[in-house]
């Protein structure tokens, strides 16, 4: 099977339960061999041999003496997952079921509540609710920590186990206890499960002449959906579009090829993104092909701390090429590439294999993308818990080898109005209603900026 490279933040569907023994039949199952004594005499190879022997001893002892009978496969898969999850927050093992779930997710349809989640300090953290799902309609928020599911604490559950408990038959009721920023006591959220069909692209006109396009994820449908949305908006505006707002807020990422394709929709030429792997020959670079979907219309990109991975590739490329102005808050900072490697008959491993870099050479791993115009979504400044950015995650890989952001030349193409954009909404700002764009303070400021921008003219050769 072809390897699939993805950039998703660890989600409910990309976590493993796992295990692994090495001894006799088990070692052969894993394609491993014990080292011969002669081979093992060489320094670190001898250490490796001793450690494999230790592992085999522990496996056999658990198998023989654990208080209840255990399944060899469970031990093997749990061990494999421990090996991978101990590397960084995004490497993991997927058993056959989890791997199938991931493949379904990247096509844009799966069952559940519509939550992107990750493991966080023994609890389950909401990366973001997906639009028009039970989770979003119930008011689940990015940063929520799930404490219990139907009265059962999530402490001690693997991410996969917790996700399995959140799945169920359509129309069945589920109760979550949630800890939320700014609220001292847990709150109870009651939802009905649904078959989730992700609408990855949403669009509408703002004021009859500004196209608003929201990308919720980077699945196989993203680029095609974006191009169709733009064509529809252009037709609705009678060919009189004056600008575009691309909303990547709370977009946790997805497929690398889709991030490249979406960036390419707006960039005429030059680099979009590059990756640097452990071995130089495995490093890659992606360049734009000629053509701009909008023919140089003013473009603003909205980002926040829920914008991660593939979203950051797009935002970074458009910012470095001076093709768009970024409005909002600093993005999540996931600058690592995961390769999904199928394991014959046994699911797949999701392994961090490279860091990615923006066209100017920035590695945003742990740093994120800083917007050109900073605008907060609310005035809330209460105590925070959990993680807001990649750098907060235990075991996050380091930022390495990139061009420091401070050394890059400042932007000189911002419209004058950008200096007057308030960073905080007014105290009387109405409560956010996803059905009323006038309550979305960040979007309203993005509209001010895009209306003040001049169309981008391509330099003649």
Protein backbone atom coordinates (compact mmCIF):
# COMPACT_ATOMS: atom_id res chain seq x y z
CA UNK A 1 0.00 0.00 0.00
CA UNK A 2 1.21 3.48 -0.80
CA UNK A 3 2.54 5.44 2.15
CA UNK A 4 0.39 8.42 3.04
CA UNK A 5 1.98 11.50 4.51
CA UNK A 6 -0.24 13.53 6.78
CA UNK A 7 0.05 16.51 9.08
CA UNK A 8 -2.97 16.08 11.32
CA UNK A 9 -2.78 17.02 14.96
CA UNK A 10 -3.27 13.79 16.92
CA UNK A 11 -6.99 13.12 16.71
CA UNK A 12 -9.43 10.63 18.04
CA UNK A 13 -8.96 8.55 14.94
CA UNK A 14 -5.18 8.65 14.88
CA UNK A 15 -4.35 7.25 18.26
CA UNK A 16 -3.26 3.73 19.06
CA UNK A 17 -3.79 1.27 21.88
CA UNK A 18 -0.93 -1.20 21.19
CA UNK A 19 1.42 -3.78 22.59
CA UNK A 20 4.47 -5.92 21.74
CA UNK A 21 6.41 -8.98 22.90
CA UNK A 22 9.70 -10.24 21.59
CA UNK A 23 10.43 -13.86 22.21
CA UNK A 24 10.19 -17.00 20.14
CA UNK A 25 7.01 -16.94 18.06
CA UNK A 26 6.25 -13.35 19.03
CA UNK A 27 9.57 -12.08 17.76
CA UNK A 28 9.00 -13.80 14.43
CA UNK A 29 5.51 -12.25 14.22
CA UNK A 30 7.09 -8.81 14.45
CA UNK A 31 9.74 -9.58 11.87
CA UNK A 32 12.47 -9.28 14.49
CA UNK A 33 15.38 -11.59 15.18
CA UNK A 34 17.44 -12.11 18.25
CA UNK A 35 21.05 -11.14 17.73
CA UNK A 36 23.66 -13.84 17.69
CA UNK A 37 26.28 -13.66 20.44
CA UNK A 38 28.99 -12.79 17.92
CA UNK A 39 26.91 -9.96 16.47
CA UNK A 40 26.01 -8.69 19.92
CA UNK A 41 29.59 -8.17 21.05
CA UNK A 42 29.87 -4.84 19.25
CA UNK A 43 29.23 -1.95 21.69
CA UNK A 44 25.69 -0.61 21.42
CA UNK A 45 24.62 -3.76 19.60
CA UNK A 46 25.39 -5.71 22.74
CA UNK A 47 23.22 -3.26 24.71
CA UNK A 48 20.41 -3.71 22.21
CA UNK A 49 20.64 -7.49 22.61
CA UNK A 50 20.43 -7.21 26.39
CA UNK A 51 17.44 -4.89 26.16
CA UNK A 52 15.62 -7.21 23.79
CA UNK A 53 16.28 -10.06 26.19
CA UNK A 54 14.91 -7.92 29.02
CA UNK A 55 11.82 -7.20 26.97
CA UNK A 56 11.32 -10.88 26.26
CA UNK A 57 11.67 -11.71 29.96
CA UNK A 58 9.07 -9.10 30.95
CA UNK A 59 6.68 -10.32 28.26
CA UNK A 60 6.94 -13.92 29.40
CA UNK A 61 6.53 -12.95 33.07
CA UNK A 62 3.38 -10.90 32.34
CA UNK A 63 2.04 -13.70 30.18
CA UNK A 64 2.60 -16.27 32.93
CA UNK A 65 1.85 -14.41 36.16
CA UNK A 66 -0.51 -11.47 35.49
CA UNK A 67 -3.60 -11.71 37.70
CA UNK A 68 -5.80 -12.57 34.70
CA UNK A 69 -5.02 -14.27 31.38
CA UNK A 70 -3.75 -11.85 28.75
CA UNK A 71 -3.91 -11.91 24.97
CA UNK A 72 -0.54 -11.96 23.23
CA UNK A 73 -1.72 -9.51 20.56
CA UNK A 74 -2.80 -7.00 23.20
CA UNK A 75 0.61 -7.16 24.84
CA UNK A 76 2.38 -6.76 21.53
CA UNK A 77 0.22 -3.85 20.37
CA UNK A 78 0.44 -2.05 23.72
CA UNK A 79 4.21 -2.37 23.66
CA UNK A 80 4.47 -1.04 20.11
CA UNK A 81 2.27 1.90 20.98
CA UNK A 82 4.37 2.64 24.04
CA UNK A 83 7.49 2.65 21.87
CA UNK A 84 5.96 5.13 19.43
CA UNK A 85 4.05 7.42 21.78
CA UNK A 86 7.20 7.77 23.89
CA UNK A 87 8.90 9.47 20.94
CA UNK A 88 6.66 12.52 20.54
CA UNK A 89 2.97 13.47 20.84
CA UNK A 90 2.13 12.54 17.24
CA UNK A 91 3.74 9.15 16.63
CA UNK A 92 1.49 6.18 17.41
CA UNK A 93 0.40 2.70 16.46
CA UNK A 94 -3.01 2.09 14.91
CA UNK A 95 -4.50 -1.36 15.08
CA UNK A 96 -6.50 -2.53 12.09
CA UNK A 97 -9.72 -0.88 13.33
CA UNK A 98 -8.07 2.46 14.14
CA UNK A 99 -6.32 2.44 10.77
CA UNK A 100 -9.61 1.85 8.98
CA UNK A 101 -11.18 4.70 10.97
CA UNK A 102 -8.36 7.03 9.94
CA UNK A 103 -8.81 6.15 6.29
CA UNK A 104 -12.53 6.87 6.55
CA UNK A 105 -11.84 10.19 8.27
CA UNK A 106 -9.56 11.45 5.53
CA UNK A 107 -12.33 10.83 2.99
CA UNK A 108 -14.60 13.14 4.99
CA UNK A 109 -17.19 10.85 6.60
CA UNK A 110 -17.21 8.93 9.89
CA UNK A 111 -19.40 8.18 12.87
CA UNK A 112 -19.42 9.90 16.25
CA UNK A 113 -19.85 13.32 17.80
CA UNK A 114 -17.73 15.50 15.52
CA UNK A 115 -14.80 16.16 17.85
CA UNK A 116 -11.10 16.43 17.08
CA UNK A 117 -9.38 15.30 20.28
CA UNK A 118 -5.98 14.42 21.70
CA UNK A 119 -4.67 12.94 24.93
CA UNK A 120 -3.80 15.52 27.58
CA UNK A 121 -2.45 14.65 31.03
CA UNK A 122 -4.60 11.55 31.41
CA UNK A 123 -7.69 13.35 30.12
CA UNK A 124 -9.04 13.96 26.63
CA UNK A 125 -8.61 17.45 25.21
CA UNK A 126 -10.81 18.92 22.50
CA UNK A 127 -8.69 20.30 19.66
CA UNK A 128 -11.81 21.62 17.95
CA UNK A 129 -15.44 20.70 17.33
CA UNK A 130 -16.33 20.12 13.69
CA UNK A 131 -18.92 22.48 12.23
CA UNK A 132 -22.54 21.30 12.05
CA UNK A 133 -22.05 18.22 14.21
CA UNK A 134 -23.54 17.24 17.60
CA UNK A 135 -20.41 18.58 19.30
CA UNK A 136 -20.57 22.04 17.73
CA UNK A 137 -24.33 22.33 18.26
CA UNK A 138 -23.91 21.36 21.92
CA UNK A 139 -21.40 24.17 22.39
CA UNK A 140 -18.21 22.12 22.83
CA UNK A 141 -15.17 24.40 22.62
CA UNK A 142 -11.52 24.14 21.67
CA UNK A 143 -9.56 23.54 24.88
CA UNK A 144 -12.34 21.70 26.71
CA UNK A 145 -11.05 18.79 28.79
CA UNK A 146 -13.30 15.71 28.84
CA UNK A 147 -13.31 14.30 32.38
CA UNK A 148 -15.83 11.47 32.03
CA UNK A 149 -18.00 9.72 29.46
CA UNK A 150 -21.42 8.56 30.64
CA UNK A 151 -20.19 8.80 34.21
CA UNK A 152 -17.00 6.79 33.60
CA UNK A 153 -13.76 8.68 34.24
CA UNK A 154 -11.40 8.84 31.28
CA UNK A 155 -8.40 8.58 33.62
CA UNK A 156 -6.51 5.44 32.67
CA UNK A 157 -8.21 5.10 29.28
CA UNK A 158 -6.13 5.20 26.13
CA UNK A 159 -7.19 7.71 23.51
CA UNK A 160 -8.56 4.91 21.35
CA UNK A 161 -10.59 3.47 24.22
CA UNK A 162 -12.06 6.88 25.01
CA UNK A 163 -12.95 7.42 21.36
CA UNK A 164 -14.62 4.00 21.18
CA UNK A 165 -16.79 4.96 24.14
CA UNK A 166 -17.81 8.20 22.44
CA UNK A 167 -18.91 6.30 19.36
CA UNK A 168 -22.17 4.43 19.19
CA UNK A 169 -25.42 3.91 17.36
CA UNK A 170 -26.92 7.01 15.68
CA UNK A 171 -29.44 8.82 17.91
CA UNK A 172 -28.05 7.22 21.07
CA UNK A 173 -27.48 9.69 23.91
CA UNK A 174 -24.08 10.39 25.46
CA UNK A 175 -23.17 12.55 28.47
CA UNK A 176 -19.76 14.15 28.85
CA UNK A 177 -18.41 15.90 31.93
CA UNK A 178 -16.22 18.75 30.70
CA UNK A 179 -13.79 21.16 32.36
CA UNK A 180 -13.83 24.50 30.56
CA UNK A 181 -11.59 27.54 30.74
CA UNK A 182 -12.99 30.18 33.11
CA UNK A 183 -15.51 27.85 34.76
CA UNK A 184 -14.61 26.37 38.15
CA UNK A 185 -16.95 23.38 38.12
CA UNK A 186 -17.29 20.66 35.49
CA UNK A 187 -20.22 21.11 33.14
CA UNK A 188 -22.37 18.34 31.68
CA UNK A 189 -22.85 18.19 27.92
CA UNK A 190 -25.56 15.91 26.54
CA UNK A 191 -25.53 14.95 22.87
CA UNK A 192 -27.02 12.48 20.41
CA UNK A 193 -24.59 10.60 18.20
CA UNK A 194 -24.80 10.98 14.43
CA UNK A 195 -23.10 9.73 11.31
CA UNK A 196 -20.69 12.59 10.72
CA UNK A 197 -20.37 13.83 7.18
CA UNK A 198 -17.75 16.53 7.24
CA UNK A 199 -18.51 19.56 5.13
CA UNK A 200 -14.90 20.60 4.78
CA UNK A 201 -15.65 23.76 2.80
CA UNK A 202 -18.26 26.40 3.64
CA UNK A 203 -18.74 29.69 1.89
CA UNK A 204 -20.94 32.74 1.56
CA UNK A 205 -20.77 36.34 0.40
CA UNK A 206 -20.10 39.17 2.82
CA UNK A 207 -21.65 42.43 1.66
CA UNK A 208 -22.22 41.02 -1.86
CA UNK A 209 -18.60 41.51 -2.90
CA UNK A 210 -16.28 39.69 -0.44
CA UNK A 211 -16.05 35.92 -0.66
CA UNK A 212 -15.82 34.08 2.66
CA UNK A 213 -14.46 30.51 2.46
CA UNK A 214 -13.98 28.35 5.53
CA UNK A 215 -11.86 25.19 5.45
CA UNK A 216 -12.57 22.97 8.46
CA UNK A 217 -10.02 20.24 7.64
CA UNK A 218 -7.63 19.14 4.93
CA UNK A 219 -9.22 15.96 3.60
CA UNK A 220 -9.26 14.58 0.08
CA UNK A 221 -12.16 16.94 -0.66
CA UNK A 222 -10.53 20.21 0.40
CA UNK A 223 -8.95 21.60 -2.77
CA UNK A 224 -11.79 20.55 -5.06
CA UNK A 225 -14.29 22.00 -2.59
CA UNK A 226 -12.43 25.30 -2.30
CA UNK A 227 -12.24 25.75 -6.07
CA UNK A 228 -15.94 25.02 -6.43
CA UNK A 229 -16.80 27.40 -3.58
CA UNK A 230 -14.81 30.21 -5.21
CA UNK A 231 -16.51 29.65 -8.57
CA UNK A 232 -19.93 29.75 -6.88
CA UNK A 233 -19.10 32.96 -5.00
CA UNK A 234 -17.80 34.61 -8.14
CA UNK A 235 -21.04 33.74 -9.93
CA UNK A 236 -23.21 34.99 -7.05
CA UNK A 237 -21.28 38.27 -7.02
CA UNK A 238 -21.88 38.69 -10.72
CA UNK A 239 -18.15 38.59 -11.38
CA UNK A 240 -17.69 41.55 -9.03
CA UNK A 241 -15.72 39.98 -6.16
CA UNK A 242 -13.44 42.51 -4.44
CA UNK A 243 -11.59 40.12 -2.14
CA UNK A 244 -11.54 36.80 -0.30
CA UNK A 245 -11.33 35.81 3.37
CA UNK A 246 -9.97 32.28 3.89
CA UNK A 247 -10.89 31.05 7.38
CA UNK A 248 -8.51 28.43 8.81
CA UNK A 249 -9.42 28.94 12.46
CA UNK A 250 -9.70 25.70 14.45
CA UNK A 251 -8.63 23.74 11.38
CA UNK A 252 -6.45 20.97 12.89
CA UNK A 253 -4.79 20.04 9.61
CA UNK A 254 -4.88 16.93 7.49
CA UNK A 255 -3.25 15.81 4.28
CA UNK A 256 -0.03 17.40 3.08
CA UNK A 257 -0.95 17.15 -0.61
CA UNK A 258 -4.14 19.09 0.06
CA UNK A 259 -2.25 21.84 1.93
CA UNK A 260 0.06 22.15 -1.07
CA UNK A 261 -2.86 22.22 -3.52
CA UNK A 262 -4.75 24.90 -1.58
CA UNK A 263 -1.63 27.07 -1.31
CA UNK A 264 -1.02 26.59 -5.04
CA UNK A 265 -4.51 27.95 -5.74
CA UNK A 266 -3.31 31.42 -4.72
CA UNK A 267 0.44 31.44 -5.51
CA UNK A 268 1.83 31.87 -9.02
CA UNK A 269 5.26 30.33 -8.52
CA UNK A 270 7.99 29.58 -6.02
CA UNK A 271 8.25 27.27 -3.05
CA UNK A 272 5.19 26.33 -1.01
CA UNK A 273 6.76 24.13 1.65
CA UNK A 274 9.79 21.92 2.17
CA UNK A 275 10.49 19.05 4.53
CA UNK A 276 13.81 18.08 6.07
CA UNK A 277 14.18 14.50 7.24
CA UNK A 278 16.86 12.69 9.21
CA UNK A 279 18.47 11.57 5.96
CA UNK A 280 19.04 14.41 3.47
CA UNK A 281 17.98 12.27 0.53
CA UNK A 282 14.51 11.96 2.08
CA UNK A 283 13.96 15.72 2.22
CA UNK A 284 11.47 17.18 -0.25
CA UNK A 285 10.26 20.50 -1.65
CA UNK A 286 6.94 21.46 -3.25
CA UNK A 287 6.65 24.38 -5.68
CA UNK A 288 3.65 26.27 -7.01
CA UNK A 289 2.50 25.91 -10.57
CA UNK A 290 1.61 28.96 -12.64
CA UNK A 291 -1.80 30.47 -12.01
CA UNK A 292 -3.82 32.18 -9.26
CA UNK A 293 -7.41 31.05 -8.77
CA UNK A 294 -8.49 34.61 -7.91
CA UNK A 295 -6.23 36.44 -10.37
CA UNK A 296 -4.65 38.44 -7.55
CA UNK A 297 -7.70 39.50 -5.54
CA UNK A 298 -6.97 40.79 -2.01
CA UNK A 299 -6.74 37.83 0.36
CA UNK A 300 -6.95 37.67 4.16
CA UNK A 301 -6.38 34.43 6.10
CA UNK A 302 -7.89 33.98 9.57
CA UNK A 303 -5.90 31.82 12.04
CA UNK A 304 -5.95 31.05 15.76
CA UNK A 305 -4.37 28.60 18.20
CA UNK A 306 -6.58 25.85 16.78
CA UNK A 307 -5.02 26.28 13.33
CA UNK A 308 -2.45 23.52 13.09
CA UNK A 309 -0.21 21.60 10.77
CA UNK A 310 -1.59 21.71 7.21
CA UNK A 311 -3.33 24.99 8.11
CA UNK A 312 0.03 26.42 9.12
CA UNK A 313 1.62 25.31 5.85
CA UNK A 314 -0.99 27.29 3.92
CA UNK A 315 -0.83 30.32 6.22
CA UNK A 316 2.99 30.33 6.23
CA UNK A 317 3.28 30.01 2.45
CA UNK A 318 0.77 32.79 1.75
CA UNK A 319 2.42 35.03 4.34
CA UNK A 320 5.97 34.46 3.08
CA UNK A 321 4.93 35.13 -0.52
CA UNK A 322 3.15 38.32 0.64
CA UNK A 323 0.08 36.89 -1.06
CA UNK A 324 -2.19 37.26 1.97
CA UNK A 325 -2.44 39.19 5.21
CA UNK A 326 -2.92 37.00 8.27
CA UNK A 327 -5.42 38.15 10.90
CA UNK A 328 -6.16 36.54 14.27
CA UNK A 329 -3.95 34.85 16.86
CA UNK A 330 -0.78 32.75 16.84
CA UNK A 331 -1.31 29.29 15.42
CA UNK A 332 -0.70 25.98 17.20
CA UNK A 333 2.87 25.35 16.05
CA UNK A 334 2.84 21.77 14.76
CA UNK A 335 5.69 21.73 12.28
CA UNK A 336 6.28 18.00 12.02
CA UNK A 337 5.39 15.50 9.31
CA UNK A 338 3.91 12.10 10.08
CA UNK A 339 4.14 9.22 7.61
CA UNK A 340 1.51 6.50 7.89
CA UNK A 341 3.25 3.18 7.28
CA UNK A 342 0.88 0.22 6.78
CA UNK A 343 1.84 -2.98 8.59
CA UNK A 344 0.64 -6.07 6.74
CA UNK A 345 -2.49 -7.35 8.46
CA UNK A 346 -1.79 -5.35 11.60
CA UNK A 347 -2.92 -1.78 11.06
CA UNK A 348 -0.27 0.90 10.64
CA UNK A 349 2.29 3.01 12.44
CA UNK A 350 2.18 6.77 12.36
CA UNK A 351 5.77 7.96 12.59
CA UNK A 352 7.20 11.48 12.73
CA UNK A 353 9.67 11.51 9.85
CA UNK A 354 10.47 15.16 9.12
CA UNK A 355 10.01 18.82 10.01
CA UNK A 356 8.44 21.17 7.51
CA UNK A 357 9.62 24.67 6.63
CA UNK A 358 7.89 27.66 5.10
CA UNK A 359 9.28 29.25 1.89
CA UNK A 360 11.45 31.68 3.89
CA UNK A 361 13.01 28.74 5.75
CA UNK A 362 11.04 29.07 8.99
CA UNK A 363 10.45 25.98 11.09
CA UNK A 364 7.28 26.75 12.99
CA UNK A 365 7.57 23.65 15.20
CA UNK A 366 6.62 24.83 18.68
CA UNK A 367 6.45 28.47 17.54
CA UNK A 368 3.45 28.69 15.26
CA UNK A 369 2.66 31.35 12.69
CA UNK A 370 2.34 34.89 14.02
CA UNK A 371 -0.46 36.88 12.35
CA UNK A 372 0.31 40.17 10.64
CA UNK A 373 -2.66 41.75 12.42
CA UNK A 374 -3.31 40.40 15.90
CA UNK A 375 -6.98 40.19 16.86
CA UNK A 376 -8.39 38.18 19.79
CA UNK A 377 -11.74 36.44 19.50
CA UNK A 378 -12.87 37.55 22.97
CA UNK A 379 -11.86 39.61 25.98
CA UNK A 380 -11.56 36.55 28.25
CA UNK A 381 -8.29 36.57 30.17
CA UNK A 382 -9.16 34.07 32.91
CA UNK A 383 -6.89 31.28 34.15
CA UNK A 384 -6.04 28.68 31.53
CA UNK A 385 -5.34 24.97 31.79
CA UNK A 386 -4.36 22.35 29.28
CA UNK A 387 -2.36 23.15 26.16
CA UNK A 388 -2.78 26.03 23.76
CA UNK A 389 0.19 25.27 21.55
CA UNK A 390 2.46 22.44 20.42
CA UNK A 391 5.23 23.67 22.73
CA UNK A 392 2.99 22.86 25.71
CA UNK A 393 2.83 19.16 24.80
CA UNK A 394 5.06 16.75 26.70
CA UNK A 395 7.71 15.31 24.42
CA UNK A 396 7.22 17.76 21.57
CA UNK A 397 10.20 17.73 19.20
CA UNK A 398 12.44 20.79 19.13
CA UNK A 399 12.42 23.61 16.63
CA UNK A 400 15.55 22.98 14.60
CA UNK A 401 17.36 24.30 11.56
CA UNK A 402 14.98 27.06 10.57
CA UNK A 403 15.42 30.75 9.79
CA UNK A 404 14.60 32.74 12.97
CA UNK A 405 11.43 34.77 12.50
CA UNK A 406 13.10 37.82 14.01
CA UNK A 407 15.63 37.95 11.16
CA UNK A 408 12.99 38.14 8.43
CA UNK A 409 12.24 41.56 6.91
CA UNK A 410 9.06 43.18 8.26
CA UNK A 411 6.04 43.56 6.04
CA UNK A 412 5.74 46.89 4.29
CA UNK A 413 2.59 46.10 2.30
CA UNK A 414 -0.01 46.28 5.06
CA UNK A 415 -2.80 48.78 4.44
CA UNK A 416 -2.76 51.84 6.70
CA UNK A 417 -5.97 50.71 8.38
CA UNK A 418 -4.15 47.69 9.84
CA UNK A 419 -2.55 49.93 12.47
CA UNK A 420 -5.99 50.87 13.78
CA UNK A 421 -7.44 47.37 14.07
CA UNK A 422 -8.26 46.75 17.77
CA UNK A 423 -6.67 43.68 19.35
CA UNK A 424 -9.63 43.06 21.63
CA UNK A 425 -13.36 43.24 20.95
CA UNK A 426 -15.30 45.98 22.71
CA UNK A 427 -16.87 45.23 26.07
CA UNK A 428 -20.34 45.34 24.54
CA UNK A 429 -19.48 42.85 21.78
CA UNK A 430 -22.49 40.51 21.32
CA UNK A 431 -22.03 36.84 22.16
CA UNK A 432 -20.69 34.81 19.25
CA UNK A 433 -23.36 33.18 17.11
CA UNK A 434 -22.01 31.03 14.24
CA UNK A 435 -25.09 31.91 12.19
CA UNK A 436 -24.49 35.67 12.51
CA UNK A 437 -21.18 36.86 11.07
CA UNK A 438 -21.61 40.28 12.69
CA UNK A 439 -20.95 38.59 16.08
CA UNK A 440 -17.60 37.23 14.85
CA UNK A 441 -15.17 39.98 15.86
CA UNK A 442 -12.14 38.48 14.13
CA UNK A 443 -14.05 38.08 10.87
CA UNK A 444 -15.31 41.65 11.01
CA UNK A 445 -11.75 42.95 11.38
CA UNK A 446 -10.61 40.69 8.53
CA UNK A 447 -13.29 42.29 6.33
CA UNK A 448 -11.98 45.75 7.23
CA UNK A 449 -8.48 44.69 6.19
CA UNK A 450 -9.44 42.94 2.95
CA UNK A 451 -11.51 45.93 1.80
CA UNK A 452 -8.49 48.20 2.33
CA UNK A 453 -6.11 46.01 0.33
CA UNK A 454 -5.21 46.60 -3.28
CA UNK A 455 -5.46 43.82 -5.91
CA UNK A 456 -2.17 42.02 -6.39
CA UNK A 457 -0.69 42.74 -9.80
CA UNK A 458 1.71 40.21 -11.20
CA UNK A 459 5.01 41.70 -12.30
CA UNK A 460 5.56 41.41 -16.04
CA UNK A 461 8.51 39.33 -17.24
